[in-house]
Amino acid sequence: MFGGGGGGLDSRKMQQMMKQMGIDIDELDAEEVIIKTSEETLVFDNPDVQRMDAQGQETYNVVGSPRTEEGDVSTTEDDESDDGIPQEDIETVADRAGVSEAEAEEALEATGGMPLDAIERLSE
């Protein structure tokens, strides 16, 4: 198939071929990767992660054994405001900006749910 006889390509030849095709692979020193779906959250602790850049399109390869967290996936009304802003964000903004939770929630709504932007907005 590829290369001469002897059972395939060695790592160096494979890297040469990928480079010629415009594909670049980097190893990332990832500590944790989290994948959230509507049904579960998969957490990979200390995974092997490679980033492949092929003609401007980045693809990530994650290798490891995930643990599943089901409790963090669905949120209840107590965990989010009516606009989908996490209660934790509201409390953080209120505490950091020294304002009421209602003011913090309003600032978060105005900034698209971005806590840092909301704090800056309230500090002006």
PDB file of N, CA and C in Angstrom:
ATOM      1  N   MET A   1       0.826  -1.171   0.000  1.00  0.00           N
ATOM      2  CA  MET A   1       0.000   0.000   0.000  1.00  0.00           C
ATOM      3  C   MET A   1       0.876   1.242   0.000  1.00  0.00           C
ATOM      4  N   PHE A   2       1.381   1.645   1.160  1.00  0.00           N
ATOM      5  CA  PHE A   2       2.302   2.774   1.263  1.00  0.00           C
ATOM      6  C   PHE A   2       3.705   2.225   1.464  1.00  0.00           C
ATOM      7  N   GLY A   3       4.677   2.909   0.882  1.00  0.00           N
ATOM      8  CA  GLY A   3       6.068   2.532   1.121  1.00  0.00           C
ATOM      9  C   GLY A   3       6.405   1.186   0.511  1.00  0.00           C
ATOM     10  N   GLY A   4       7.616   0.769   0.753  1.00  0.00           N
ATOM     11  CA  GLY A   4       8.083  -0.512   0.233  1.00  0.00           C
ATOM     12  C   GLY A   4       7.530  -1.645   1.049  1.00  0.00           C
ATOM     13  N   GLY A   5       8.118  -2.785   0.970  1.00  0.00           N
ATOM     14  CA  GLY A   5       7.655  -3.933   1.730  1.00  0.00           C
ATOM     15  C   GLY A   5       7.898  -3.755   3.208  1.00  0.00           C
ATOM     16  N   GLY A   6       7.580  -4.744   3.964  1.00  0.00           N
ATOM     17  CA  GLY A   6       7.932  -4.715   5.371  1.00  0.00           C
ATOM     18  C   GLY A   6       6.840  -4.222   6.286  1.00  0.00           C
ATOM     19  N   GLY A   7       5.598  -4.040   5.827  1.00  0.00           N
ATOM     20  CA  GLY A   7       4.514  -3.812   6.761  1.00  0.00           C
ATOM     21  C   GLY A   7       4.204  -2.380   7.109  1.00  0.00           C
ATOM     22  N   GLY A   8       4.275  -1.440   6.205  1.00  0.00           N
ATOM     23  CA  GLY A   8       3.740  -0.118   6.482  1.00  0.00           C
ATOM     24  C   GLY A   8       4.787   0.940   6.702  1.00  0.00           C
ATOM     25  N   LEU A   9       4.339   2.050   7.256  1.00  0.00           N
ATOM     26  CA  LEU A   9       5.174   3.232   7.434  1.00  0.00           C
ATOM     27  C   LEU A   9       5.684   3.334   8.855  1.00  0.00           C
ATOM     28  N   ASP A  10       6.888   3.816   8.990  1.00  0.00           N
ATOM     29  CA  ASP A  10       7.343   4.134  10.332  1.00  0.00           C
ATOM     30  C   ASP A  10       6.869   5.545  10.670  1.00  0.00           C
ATOM     31  N   SER A  11       7.008   5.905  11.893  1.00  0.00           N
ATOM     32  CA  SER A  11       6.516   7.192  12.387  1.00  0.00           C
ATOM     33  C   SER A  11       7.129   8.378  11.646  1.00  0.00           C
ATOM     34  N   ARG A  12       8.415   8.313  11.376  1.00  0.00           N
ATOM     35  CA  ARG A  12       9.096   9.421  10.699  1.00  0.00           C
ATOM     36  C   ARG A  12       8.552   9.628   9.282  1.00  0.00           C
ATOM     37  N   LYS A  13       8.371   8.524   8.551  1.00  0.00           N
ATOM     38  CA  LYS A  13       7.831   8.620   7.189  1.00  0.00           C
ATOM     39  C   LYS A  13       6.407   9.165   7.214  1.00  0.00           C
ATOM     40  N   MET A  14       5.622   8.736   8.170  1.00  0.00           N
ATOM     41  CA  MET A  14       4.246   9.207   8.291  1.00  0.00           C
ATOM     42  C   MET A  14       4.235  10.720   8.545  1.00  0.00           C
ATOM     43  N   GLN A  15       5.094  11.196   9.427  1.00  0.00           N
ATOM     44  CA  GLN A  15       5.163  12.625   9.711  1.00  0.00           C
ATOM     45  C   GLN A  15       5.590  13.411   8.479  1.00  0.00           C
ATOM     46  N   GLN A  16       6.542  12.883   7.701  1.00  0.00           N
ATOM     47  CA  GLN A  16       6.985  13.527   6.462  1.00  0.00           C
ATOM     48  C   GLN A  16       5.823  13.652   5.480  1.00  0.00           C
ATOM     49  N   MET A  17       5.086  12.573   5.304  1.00  0.00           N
ATOM     50  CA  MET A  17       3.957  12.581   4.374  1.00  0.00           C
ATOM     51  C   MET A  17       2.891  13.587   4.816  1.00  0.00           C
ATOM     52  N   MET A  18       2.612  13.623   6.102  1.00  0.00           N
ATOM     53  CA  MET A  18       1.593  14.544   6.611  1.00  0.00           C
ATOM     54  C   MET A  18       2.037  15.992   6.409  1.00  0.00           C
ATOM     55  N   LYS A  19       3.312  16.251   6.627  1.00  0.00           N
ATOM     56  CA  LYS A  19       3.833  17.599   6.432  1.00  0.00           C
ATOM     57  C   LYS A  19       3.711  18.016   4.971  1.00  0.00           C
ATOM     58  N   GLN A  20       4.005  17.103   4.064  1.00  0.00           N
ATOM     59  CA  GLN A  20       3.877  17.387   2.631  1.00  0.00           C
ATOM     60  C   GLN A  20       2.432  17.684   2.251  1.00  0.00           C
ATOM     61  N   MET A  21       1.486  17.081   2.937  1.00  0.00           N
ATOM     62  CA  MET A  21       0.066  17.311   2.659  1.00  0.00           C
ATOM     63  C   MET A  21      -0.473  18.530   3.402  1.00  0.00           C
ATOM     64  N   GLY A  22       0.387  19.220   4.136  1.00  0.00           N
ATOM     65  CA  GLY A  22      -0.054  20.411   4.865  1.00  0.00           C
ATOM     66  C   GLY A  22      -0.737  20.102   6.179  1.00  0.00           C
ATOM     67  N   ILE A  23      -0.442  18.966   6.761  1.00  0.00           N
ATOM     68  CA  ILE A  23      -1.043  18.568   8.034  1.00  0.00           C
ATOM     69  C   ILE A  23       0.005  18.681   9.122  1.00  0.00           C
ATOM     70  N   ASP A  24      -0.333  19.411  10.191  1.00  0.00           N
ATOM     71  CA  ASP A  24       0.594  19.625  11.311  1.00  0.00           C
ATOM     72  C   ASP A  24      -0.055  19.072  12.572  1.00  0.00           C
ATOM     73  N   ILE A  25       0.676  18.256  13.327  1.00  0.00           N
ATOM     74  CA  ILE A  25       0.145  17.676  14.565  1.00  0.00           C
ATOM     75  C   ILE A  25       0.997  18.132  15.740  1.00  0.00           C
ATOM     76  N   ASP A  26       0.329  18.621  16.789  1.00  0.00           N
ATOM     77  CA  ASP A  26       0.988  19.038  18.024  1.00  0.00           C
ATOM     78  C   ASP A  26       0.406  18.255  19.192  1.00  0.00           C
ATOM     79  N   GLU A  27       1.262  17.848  20.102  1.00  0.00           N
ATOM     80  CA  GLU A  27       0.823  17.235  21.353  1.00  0.00           C
ATOM     81  C   GLU A  27       0.492  18.369  22.326  1.00  0.00           C
ATOM     82  N   LEU A  28      -0.648  18.299  22.990  1.00  0.00           N
ATOM     83  CA  LEU A  28      -1.026  19.296  23.979  1.00  0.00           C
ATOM     84  C   LEU A  28      -0.844  18.716  25.372  1.00  0.00           C
ATOM     85  N   ASP A  29      -0.374  19.527  26.292  1.00  0.00           N
ATOM     86  CA  ASP A  29      -0.181  19.101  27.676  1.00  0.00           C
ATOM     87  C   ASP A  29      -1.474  19.379  28.445  1.00  0.00           C
ATOM     88  N   ALA A  30      -2.526  18.625  28.125  1.00  0.00           N
ATOM     89  CA  ALA A  30      -3.840  18.844  28.723  1.00  0.00           C
ATOM     90  C   ALA A  30      -3.924  18.196  30.101  1.00  0.00           C
ATOM     91  N   GLU A  31      -4.538  18.906  31.021  1.00  0.00           N
ATOM     92  CA  GLU A  31      -4.772  18.369  32.359  1.00  0.00           C
ATOM     93  C   GLU A  31      -6.160  17.746  32.459  1.00  0.00           C
ATOM     94  N   GLU A  32      -7.116  18.308  31.690  1.00  0.00           N
ATOM     95  CA  GLU A  32      -8.482  17.817  31.760  1.00  0.00           C
ATOM     96  C   GLU A  32      -9.215  18.211  30.488  1.00  0.00           C
ATOM     97  N   VAL A  33     -10.069  17.312  30.001  1.00  0.00           N
ATOM     98  CA  VAL A  33     -10.950  17.612  28.880  1.00  0.00           C
ATOM     99  C   VAL A  33     -12.359  17.258  29.323  1.00  0.00           C
ATOM    100  N   ILE A  34     -13.305  18.190  29.082  1.00  0.00           N
ATOM    101  CA  ILE A  34     -14.691  17.981  29.474  1.00  0.00           C
ATOM    102  C   ILE A  34     -15.560  18.047  28.226  1.00  0.00           C
ATOM    103  N   ILE A  35     -16.386  17.032  28.045  1.00  0.00           N
ATOM    104  CA  ILE A  35     -17.331  16.994  26.944  1.00  0.00           C
ATOM    105  C   ILE A  35     -18.724  16.914  27.560  1.00  0.00           C
ATOM    106  N   LYS A  36     -19.552  17.923  27.274  1.00  0.00           N
ATOM    107  CA  LYS A  36     -20.910  17.954  27.815  1.00  0.00           C
ATOM    108  C   LYS A  36     -21.906  17.648  26.710  1.00  0.00           C
ATOM    109  N   THR A  37     -22.805  16.725  26.991  1.00  0.00           N
ATOM    110  CA  THR A  37     -23.905  16.428  26.092  1.00  0.00           C
ATOM    111  C   THR A  37     -25.197  16.712  26.853  1.00  0.00           C
ATOM    112  N   SER A  38     -26.316  16.547  26.189  1.00  0.00           N
ATOM    113  CA  SER A  38     -27.587  16.779  26.865  1.00  0.00           C
ATOM    114  C   SER A  38     -27.877  15.704  27.904  1.00  0.00           C
ATOM    115  N   GLU A  39     -27.171  14.595  27.834  1.00  0.00           N
ATOM    116  CA  GLU A  39     -27.437  13.483  28.739  1.00  0.00           C
ATOM    117  C   GLU A  39     -26.374  13.244  29.795  1.00  0.00           C
ATOM    118  N   GLU A  40     -25.126  13.671  29.519  1.00  0.00           N
ATOM    119  CA  GLU A  40     -24.060  13.392  30.463  1.00  0.00           C
ATOM    120  C   GLU A  40     -22.880  14.332  30.251  1.00  0.00           C
ATOM    121  N   THR A  41     -21.991  14.322  31.223  1.00  0.00           N
ATOM    122  CA  THR A  41     -20.733  15.051  31.109  1.00  0.00           C
ATOM    123  C   THR A  41     -19.601  14.044  31.232  1.00  0.00           C
ATOM    124  N   LEU A  42     -18.718  14.033  30.223  1.00  0.00           N
ATOM    125  CA  LEU A  42     -17.562  13.140  30.236  1.00  0.00           C
ATOM    126  C   LEU A  42     -16.341  13.958  30.623  1.00  0.00           C
ATOM    127  N   VAL A  43     -15.617  13.494  31.643  1.00  0.00           N
ATOM    128  CA  VAL A  43     -14.432  14.197  32.115  1.00  0.00           C
ATOM    129  C   VAL A  43     -13.228  13.285  31.954  1.00  0.00           C
ATOM    130  N   PHE A  44     -12.265  13.742  31.141  1.00  0.00           N
ATOM    131  CA  PHE A  44     -11.019  13.011  30.920  1.00  0.00           C
ATOM    132  C   PHE A  44      -9.944  13.687  31.764  1.00  0.00           C
ATOM    133  N   ASP A  45      -9.419  12.991  32.767  1.00  0.00           N
ATOM    134  CA  ASP A  45      -8.330  13.517  33.590  1.00  0.00           C
ATOM    135  C   ASP A  45      -7.003  13.077  32.977  1.00  0.00           C
ATOM    136  N   ASN A  46      -6.083  14.025  32.790  1.00  0.00           N
ATOM    137  CA  ASN A  46      -4.756  13.768  32.219  1.00  0.00           C
ATOM    138  C   ASN A  46      -4.807  12.960  30.913  1.00  0.00           C
ATOM    139  N   PRO A  47      -5.601  13.415  29.929  1.00  0.00           N
ATOM    140  CA  PRO A  47      -5.681  12.672  28.676  1.00  0.00           C
ATOM    141  C   PRO A  47      -4.494  12.966  27.767  1.00  0.00           C
ATOM    142  N   ASP A  48      -4.307  12.110  26.773  1.00  0.00           N
ATOM    143  CA  ASP A  48      -3.370  12.391  25.687  1.00  0.00           C
ATOM    144  C   ASP A  48      -4.174  13.144  24.637  1.00  0.00           C
ATOM    145  N   VAL A  49      -3.742  14.368  24.298  1.00  0.00           N
ATOM    146  CA  VAL A  49      -4.483  15.189  23.344  1.00  0.00           C
ATOM    147  C   VAL A  49      -3.549  15.641  22.233  1.00  0.00           C
ATOM    148  N   GLN A  50      -3.991  15.435  21.002  1.00  0.00           N
ATOM    149  CA  GLN A  50      -3.257  15.913  19.843  1.00  0.00           C
ATOM    150  C   GLN A  50      -4.154  16.887  19.084  1.00  0.00           C
ATOM    151  N   ARG A  51      -3.550  17.970  18.608  1.00  0.00           N
ATOM    152  CA  ARG A  51      -4.256  18.933  17.760  1.00  0.00           C
ATOM    153  C   ARG A  51      -3.691  18.781  16.359  1.00  0.00           C
ATOM    154  N   MET A  52      -4.569  18.525  15.399  1.00  0.00           N
ATOM    155  CA  MET A  52      -4.151  18.379  14.020  1.00  0.00           C
ATOM    156  C   MET A  52      -4.710  19.557  13.226  1.00  0.00           C
ATOM    157  N   ASP A  53      -3.814  20.269  12.551  1.00  0.00           N
ATOM    158  CA  ASP A  53      -4.206  21.394  11.709  1.00  0.00           C
ATOM    159  C   ASP A  53      -4.012  20.970  10.265  1.00  0.00           C
ATOM    160  N   ALA A  54      -5.113  20.816   9.551  1.00  0.00           N
ATOM    161  CA  ALA A  54      -5.068  20.420   8.152  1.00  0.00           C
ATOM    162  C   ALA A  54      -5.727  21.503   7.325  1.00  0.00           C
ATOM    163  N   GLN A  55      -4.918  22.322   6.672  1.00  0.00           N
ATOM    164  CA  GLN A  55      -5.391  23.394   5.807  1.00  0.00           C
ATOM    165  C   GLN A  55      -6.331  24.336   6.548  1.00  0.00           C
ATOM    166  N   GLY A  56      -5.945  24.711   7.769  1.00  0.00           N
ATOM    167  CA  GLY A  56      -6.706  25.669   8.558  1.00  0.00           C
ATOM    168  C   GLY A  56      -7.834  25.078   9.387  1.00  0.00           C
ATOM    169  N   GLN A  57      -8.120  23.825   9.228  1.00  0.00           N
ATOM    170  CA  GLN A  57      -9.168  23.167  10.005  1.00  0.00           C
ATOM    171  C   GLN A  57      -8.523  22.398  11.144  1.00  0.00           C
ATOM    172  N   GLU A  58      -8.847  22.780  12.387  1.00  0.00           N
ATOM    173  CA  GLU A  58      -8.259  22.097  13.545  1.00  0.00           C
ATOM    174  C   GLU A  58      -9.152  20.942  13.991  1.00  0.00           C
ATOM    175  N   THR A  59      -8.507  19.816  14.261  1.00  0.00           N
ATOM    176  CA  THR A  59      -9.182  18.636  14.786  1.00  0.00           C
ATOM    177  C   THR A  59      -8.431  18.197  16.032  1.00  0.00           C
ATOM    178  N   TYR A  60      -9.173  17.812  17.065  1.00  0.00           N
ATOM    179  CA  TYR A  60      -8.560  17.377  18.313  1.00  0.00           C
ATOM    180  C   TYR A  60      -8.839  15.898  18.519  1.00  0.00           C
ATOM    181  N   ASN A  61      -7.805  15.178  18.927  1.00  0.00           N
ATOM    182  CA  ASN A  61      -7.907  13.764  19.230  1.00  0.00           C
ATOM    183  C   ASN A  61      -7.655  13.596  20.718  1.00  0.00           C
ATOM    184  N   VAL A  62      -8.631  13.040  21.437  1.00  0.00           N
ATOM    185  CA  VAL A  62      -8.527  12.856  22.886  1.00  0.00           C
ATOM    186  C   VAL A  62      -8.496  11.367  23.174  1.00  0.00           C
ATOM    187  N   VAL A  63      -7.443  10.931  23.894  1.00  0.00           N
ATOM    188  CA  VAL A  63      -7.306   9.527  24.244  1.00  0.00           C
ATOM    189  C   VAL A  63      -7.238   9.422  25.758  1.00  0.00           C
ATOM    190  N   GLY A  64      -8.110   8.616  26.327  1.00  0.00           N
ATOM    191  CA  GLY A  64      -8.131   8.417  27.771  1.00  0.00           C
ATOM    192  C   GLY A  64      -9.422   7.751  28.179  1.00  0.00           C
ATOM    193  N   SER A  65      -9.561   7.493  29.451  1.00  0.00           N
ATOM    194  CA  SER A  65     -10.771   6.877  29.980  1.00  0.00           C
ATOM    195  C   SER A  65     -11.547   7.931  30.762  1.00  0.00           C
ATOM    196  N   PRO A  66     -12.730   8.303  30.274  1.00  0.00           N
ATOM    197  CA  PRO A  66     -13.484   9.346  30.974  1.00  0.00           C
ATOM    198  C   PRO A  66     -14.263   8.796  32.155  1.00  0.00           C
ATOM    199  N   ARG A  67     -14.533   9.684  33.079  1.00  0.00           N
ATOM    200  CA  ARG A  67     -15.510   9.382  34.128  1.00  0.00           C
ATOM    201  C   ARG A  67     -16.759  10.144  33.736  1.00  0.00           C
ATOM    202  N   THR A  68     -17.907   9.630  34.106  1.00  0.00           N
ATOM    203  CA  THR A  68     -19.176  10.240  33.734  1.00  0.00           C
ATOM    204  C   THR A  68     -19.767  10.955  34.931  1.00  0.00           C
ATOM    205  N   GLU A  69     -20.206  12.187  34.690  1.00  0.00           N
ATOM    206  CA  GLU A  69     -20.883  12.966  35.721  1.00  0.00           C
ATOM    207  C   GLU A  69     -22.279  13.274  35.221  1.00  0.00           C
ATOM    208  N   GLU A  70     -23.258  12.654  35.832  1.00  0.00           N
ATOM    209  CA  GLU A  70     -24.630  12.873  35.394  1.00  0.00           C
ATOM    210  C   GLU A  70     -25.288  14.017  36.139  1.00  0.00           C
ATOM    211  N   GLY A  71     -24.896  14.280  37.369  1.00  0.00           N
ATOM    212  CA  GLY A  71     -25.543  15.300  38.186  1.00  0.00           C
ATOM    213  C   GLY A  71     -25.326  16.715  37.692  1.00  0.00           C
ATOM    214  N   ASP A  72     -24.235  16.990  36.977  1.00  0.00           N
ATOM    215  CA  ASP A  72     -23.929  18.344  36.537  1.00  0.00           C
ATOM    216  C   ASP A  72     -24.579  18.697  35.207  1.00  0.00           C
ATOM    217  N   VAL A  73     -25.222  17.743  34.569  1.00  0.00           N
ATOM    218  CA  VAL A  73     -25.714  17.980  33.225  1.00  0.00           C
ATOM    219  C   VAL A  73     -26.986  18.797  33.221  1.00  0.00           C
ATOM    220  N   SER A  74     -28.006  18.319  33.904  1.00  0.00           N
ATOM    221  CA  SER A  74     -29.262  19.054  33.882  1.00  0.00           C
ATOM    222  C   SER A  74     -29.264  20.081  35.001  1.00  0.00           C
ATOM    223  N   THR A  75     -29.844  21.213  34.700  1.00  0.00           N
ATOM    224  CA  THR A  75     -29.924  22.264  35.692  1.00  0.00           C
ATOM    225  C   THR A  75     -31.369  22.423  36.109  1.00  0.00           C
ATOM    226  N   THR A  76     -31.563  22.839  37.328  1.00  0.00           N
ATOM    227  CA  THR A  76     -32.909  23.083  37.821  1.00  0.00           C
ATOM    228  C   THR A  76     -33.162  24.575  37.824  1.00  0.00           C
ATOM    229  N   GLU A  77     -34.394  24.955  38.113  1.00  0.00           N
ATOM    230  CA  GLU A  77     -34.718  26.374  38.131  1.00  0.00           C
ATOM    231  C   GLU A  77     -33.903  27.112  39.175  1.00  0.00           C
ATOM    232  N   ASP A  78     -33.515  26.426  40.246  1.00  0.00           N
ATOM    233  CA  ASP A  78     -32.718  27.071  41.291  1.00  0.00           C
ATOM    234  C   ASP A  78     -31.296  27.371  40.820  1.00  0.00           C
ATOM    235  N   ASP A  79     -30.825  26.632  39.817  1.00  0.00           N
ATOM    236  CA  ASP A  79     -29.460  26.789  39.341  1.00  0.00           C
ATOM    237  C   ASP A  79     -29.311  27.864  38.272  1.00  0.00           C
ATOM    238  N   GLU A  80     -30.410  28.236  37.608  1.00  0.00           N
ATOM    239  CA  GLU A  80     -30.347  29.233  36.545  1.00  0.00           C
ATOM    240  C   GLU A  80     -31.481  30.229  36.693  1.00  0.00           C
ATOM    241  N   SER A  81     -31.248  31.440  36.205  1.00  0.00           N
ATOM    242  CA  SER A  81     -32.312  32.425  36.159  1.00  0.00           C
ATOM    243  C   SER A  81     -33.219  32.081  34.988  1.00  0.00           C
ATOM    244  N   ASP A  82     -34.304  32.844  34.819  1.00  0.00           N
ATOM    245  CA  ASP A  82     -35.222  32.616  33.712  1.00  0.00           C
ATOM    246  C   ASP A  82     -34.542  32.785  32.365  1.00  0.00           C
ATOM    247  N   ASP A  83     -33.483  33.577  32.313  1.00  0.00           N
ATOM    248  CA  ASP A  83     -32.766  33.822  31.060  1.00  0.00           C
ATOM    249  C   ASP A  83     -31.623  32.842  30.847  1.00  0.00           C
ATOM    250  N   GLY A  84     -31.508  31.802  31.682  1.00  0.00           N
ATOM    251  CA  GLY A  84     -30.470  30.801  31.499  1.00  0.00           C
ATOM    252  C   GLY A  84     -29.113  31.184  32.067  1.00  0.00           C
ATOM    253  N   ILE A  85     -29.063  32.214  32.895  1.00  0.00           N
ATOM    254  CA  ILE A  85     -27.792  32.627  33.504  1.00  0.00           C
ATOM    255  C   ILE A  85     -27.606  31.829  34.790  1.00  0.00           C
ATOM    256  N   PRO A  86     -26.483  31.142  34.936  1.00  0.00           N
ATOM    257  CA  PRO A  86     -26.257  30.347  36.139  1.00  0.00           C
ATOM    258  C   PRO A  86     -26.293  31.203  37.415  1.00  0.00           C
ATOM    259  N   GLN A  87     -26.955  30.687  38.438  1.00  0.00           N
ATOM    260  CA  GLN A  87     -27.062  31.396  39.716  1.00  0.00           C
ATOM    261  C   GLN A  87     -25.684  31.704  40.277  1.00  0.00           C
ATOM    262  N   GLU A  88     -24.742  30.805  40.081  1.00  0.00           N
ATOM    263  CA  GLU A  88     -23.376  31.014  40.568  1.00  0.00           C
ATOM    264  C   GLU A  88     -22.760  32.268  39.945  1.00  0.00           C
ATOM    265  N   ASP A  89     -23.013  32.490  38.643  1.00  0.00           N
ATOM    266  CA  ASP A  89     -22.498  33.692  37.976  1.00  0.00           C
ATOM    267  C   ASP A  89     -23.136  34.949  38.548  1.00  0.00           C
ATOM    268  N   ILE A  90     -24.431  34.893  38.794  1.00  0.00           N
ATOM    269  CA  ILE A  90     -25.142  36.041  39.367  1.00  0.00           C
ATOM    270  C   ILE A  90     -24.551  36.388  40.729  1.00  0.00           C
ATOM    271  N   GLU A  91     -24.356  35.366  41.564  1.00  0.00           N
ATOM    272  CA  GLU A  91     -23.806  35.588  42.902  1.00  0.00           C
ATOM    273  C   GLU A  91     -22.379  36.130  42.837  1.00  0.00           C
ATOM    274  N   THR A  92     -21.580  35.598  41.921  1.00  0.00           N
ATOM    275  CA  THR A  92     -20.197  36.054  41.778  1.00  0.00           C
ATOM    276  C   THR A  92     -20.141  37.519  41.372  1.00  0.00           C
ATOM    277  N   VAL A  93     -20.938  37.890  40.362  1.00  0.00           N
ATOM    278  CA  VAL A  93     -20.952  39.280  39.889  1.00  0.00           C
ATOM    279  C   VAL A  93     -21.453  40.206  40.993  1.00  0.00           C
ATOM    280  N   ALA A  94     -22.506  39.808  41.695  1.00  0.00           N
ATOM    281  CA  ALA A  94     -23.047  40.634  42.777  1.00  0.00           C
ATOM    282  C   ALA A  94     -21.999  40.847  43.863  1.00  0.00           C
ATOM    283  N   ASP A  95     -21.304  39.795  44.223  1.00  0.00           N
ATOM    284  CA  ASP A  95     -20.274  39.879  45.262  1.00  0.00           C
ATOM    285  C   ASP A  95     -19.095  40.743  44.829  1.00  0.00           C
ATOM    286  N   ARG A  96     -18.577  40.496  43.641  1.00  0.00           N
ATOM    287  CA  ARG A  96     -17.403  41.226  43.165  1.00  0.00           C
ATOM    288  C   ARG A  96     -17.692  42.702  42.889  1.00  0.00           C
ATOM    289  N   ALA A  97     -18.905  43.002  42.393  1.00  0.00           N
ATOM    290  CA  ALA A  97     -19.238  44.392  42.047  1.00  0.00           C
ATOM    291  C   ALA A  97     -19.896  45.126  43.214  1.00  0.00           C
ATOM    292  N   GLY A  98     -20.243  44.380  44.272  1.00  0.00           N
ATOM    293  CA  GLY A  98     -20.873  45.004  45.434  1.00  0.00           C
ATOM    294  C   GLY A  98     -22.274  45.508  45.143  1.00  0.00           C
ATOM    295  N   VAL A  99     -23.051  44.723  44.370  1.00  0.00           N
ATOM    296  CA  VAL A  99     -24.414  45.117  44.021  1.00  0.00           C
ATOM    297  C   VAL A  99     -25.373  43.986  44.380  1.00  0.00           C
ATOM    298  N   SER A 100     -26.668  44.250  44.223  1.00  0.00           N
ATOM    299  CA  SER A 100     -27.670  43.224  44.507  1.00  0.00           C
ATOM    300  C   SER A 100     -27.647  42.167  43.405  1.00  0.00           C
ATOM    301  N   GLU A 101     -28.240  41.011  43.694  1.00  0.00           N
ATOM    302  CA  GLU A 101     -28.304  39.952  42.689  1.00  0.00           C
ATOM    303  C   GLU A 101     -29.140  40.392  41.494  1.00  0.00           C
ATOM    304  N   ALA A 102     -30.172  41.180  41.732  1.00  0.00           N
ATOM    305  CA  ALA A 102     -31.002  41.674  40.630  1.00  0.00           C
ATOM    306  C   ALA A 102     -30.184  42.554  39.689  1.00  0.00           C
ATOM    307  N   GLU A 103     -29.349  43.432  40.254  1.00  0.00           N
ATOM    308  CA  GLU A 103     -28.496  44.292  39.425  1.00  0.00           C
ATOM    309  C   GLU A 103     -27.453  43.448  38.680  1.00  0.00           C
ATOM    310  N   ALA A 104     -26.917  42.452  39.362  1.00  0.00           N
ATOM    311  CA  ALA A 104     -25.927  41.576  38.731  1.00  0.00           C
ATOM    312  C   ALA A 104     -26.552  40.809  37.576  1.00  0.00           C
ATOM    313  N   GLU A 105     -27.752  40.297  37.786  1.00  0.00           N
ATOM    314  CA  GLU A 105     -28.440  39.555  36.725  1.00  0.00           C
ATOM    315  C   GLU A 105     -28.725  40.455  35.524  1.00  0.00           C
ATOM    316  N   GLU A 106     -29.130  41.686  35.794  1.00  0.00           N
ATOM    317  CA  GLU A 106     -29.401  42.644  34.719  1.00  0.00           C
ATOM    318  C   GLU A 106     -28.123  42.923  33.910  1.00  0.00           C
ATOM    319  N   ALA A 107     -27.012  43.098  34.607  1.00  0.00           N
ATOM    320  CA  ALA A 107     -25.742  43.352  33.926  1.00  0.00           C
ATOM    321  C   ALA A 107     -25.307  42.130  33.114  1.00  0.00           C
ATOM    322  N   LEU A 108     -25.528  40.936  33.656  1.00  0.00           N
ATOM    323  CA  LEU A 108     -25.192  39.713  32.927  1.00  0.00           C
ATOM    324  C   LEU A 108     -26.042  39.574  31.669  1.00  0.00           C
ATOM    325  N   GLU A 109     -27.309  39.910  31.766  1.00  0.00           N
ATOM    326  CA  GLU A 109     -28.182  39.862  30.599  1.00  0.00           C
ATOM    327  C   GLU A 109     -27.694  40.840  29.534  1.00  0.00           C
ATOM    328  N   ALA A 110     -27.278  42.027  29.972  1.00  0.00           N
ATOM    329  CA  ALA A 110     -26.824  43.062  29.038  1.00  0.00           C
ATOM    330  C   ALA A 110     -25.506  42.700  28.366  1.00  0.00           C
ATOM    331  N   THR A 111     -24.717  41.845  29.000  1.00  0.00           N
ATOM    332  CA  THR A 111     -23.407  41.474  28.451  1.00  0.00           C
ATOM    333  C   THR A 111     -23.395  40.054  27.878  1.00  0.00           C
ATOM    334  N   GLY A 112     -24.570  39.501  27.642  1.00  0.00           N
ATOM    335  CA  GLY A 112     -24.633  38.162  27.054  1.00  0.00           C
ATOM    336  C   GLY A 112     -24.163  37.066  27.986  1.00  0.00           C
ATOM    337  N   GLY A 113     -24.278  37.285  29.294  1.00  0.00           N
ATOM    338  CA  GLY A 113     -23.906  36.261  30.270  1.00  0.00           C
ATOM    339  C   GLY A 113     -22.426  36.194  30.587  1.00  0.00           C
ATOM    340  N   MET A 114     -21.684  37.233  30.261  1.00  0.00           N
ATOM    341  CA  MET A 114     -20.235  37.248  30.490  1.00  0.00           C
ATOM    342  C   MET A 114     -19.938  37.912  31.838  1.00  0.00           C
ATOM    343  N   PRO A 115     -19.562  37.133  32.872  1.00  0.00           N
ATOM    344  CA  PRO A 115     -19.355  37.687  34.210  1.00  0.00           C
ATOM    345  C   PRO A 115     -18.330  38.824  34.271  1.00  0.00           C
ATOM    346  N   LEU A 116     -17.187  38.668  33.630  1.00  0.00           N
ATOM    347  CA  LEU A 116     -16.164  39.706  33.686  1.00  0.00           C
ATOM    348  C   LEU A 116     -16.674  41.007  33.079  1.00  0.00           C
ATOM    349  N   ASP A 117     -17.356  40.910  31.931  1.00  0.00           N
ATOM    350  CA  ASP A 117     -17.920  42.111  31.289  1.00  0.00           C
ATOM    351  C   ASP A 117     -18.986  42.758  32.179  1.00  0.00           C
ATOM    352  N   ALA A 118     -19.786  41.917  32.853  1.00  0.00           N
ATOM    353  CA  ALA A 118     -20.830  42.444  33.737  1.00  0.00           C
ATOM    354  C   ALA A 118     -20.199  43.187  34.926  1.00  0.00           C
ATOM    355  N   ILE A 119     -19.141  42.631  35.487  1.00  0.00           N
ATOM    356  CA  ILE A 119     -18.460  43.294  36.622  1.00  0.00           C
ATOM    357  C   ILE A 119     -17.887  44.623  36.165  1.00  0.00           C
ATOM    358  N   GLU A 120     -17.241  44.640  34.995  1.00  0.00           N
ATOM    359  CA  GLU A 120     -16.674  45.885  34.468  1.00  0.00           C
ATOM    360  C   GLU A 120     -17.789  46.904  34.230  1.00  0.00           C
ATOM    361  N   ARG A 121     -18.907  46.464  33.694  1.00  0.00           N
ATOM    362  CA  ARG A 121     -20.038  47.363  33.417  1.00  0.00           C
ATOM    363  C   ARG A 121     -20.556  47.983  34.713  1.00  0.00           C
ATOM    364  N   LEU A 122     -20.635  47.173  35.758  1.00  0.00           N
ATOM    365  CA  LEU A 122     -21.149  47.669  37.044  1.00  0.00           C
ATOM    366  C   LEU A 122     -20.145  48.546  37.765  1.00  0.00           C
ATOM    367  N   SER A 123     -18.871  48.406  37.441  1.00  0.00           N
ATOM    368  CA  SER A 123     -17.831  49.186  38.107  1.00  0.00           C
ATOM    369  C   SER A 123     -17.622  50.553  37.483  1.00  0.00           C
ATOM    370  N   GLU A 124     -18.268  50.819  36.345  1.00  0.00           N
ATOM    371  CA  GLU A 124     -18.086  52.101  35.647  1.00  0.00           C
ATOM    372  C   GLU A 124     -18.740  53.233  36.394  1.00  0.00           C
TER     373      GLU A 124
END
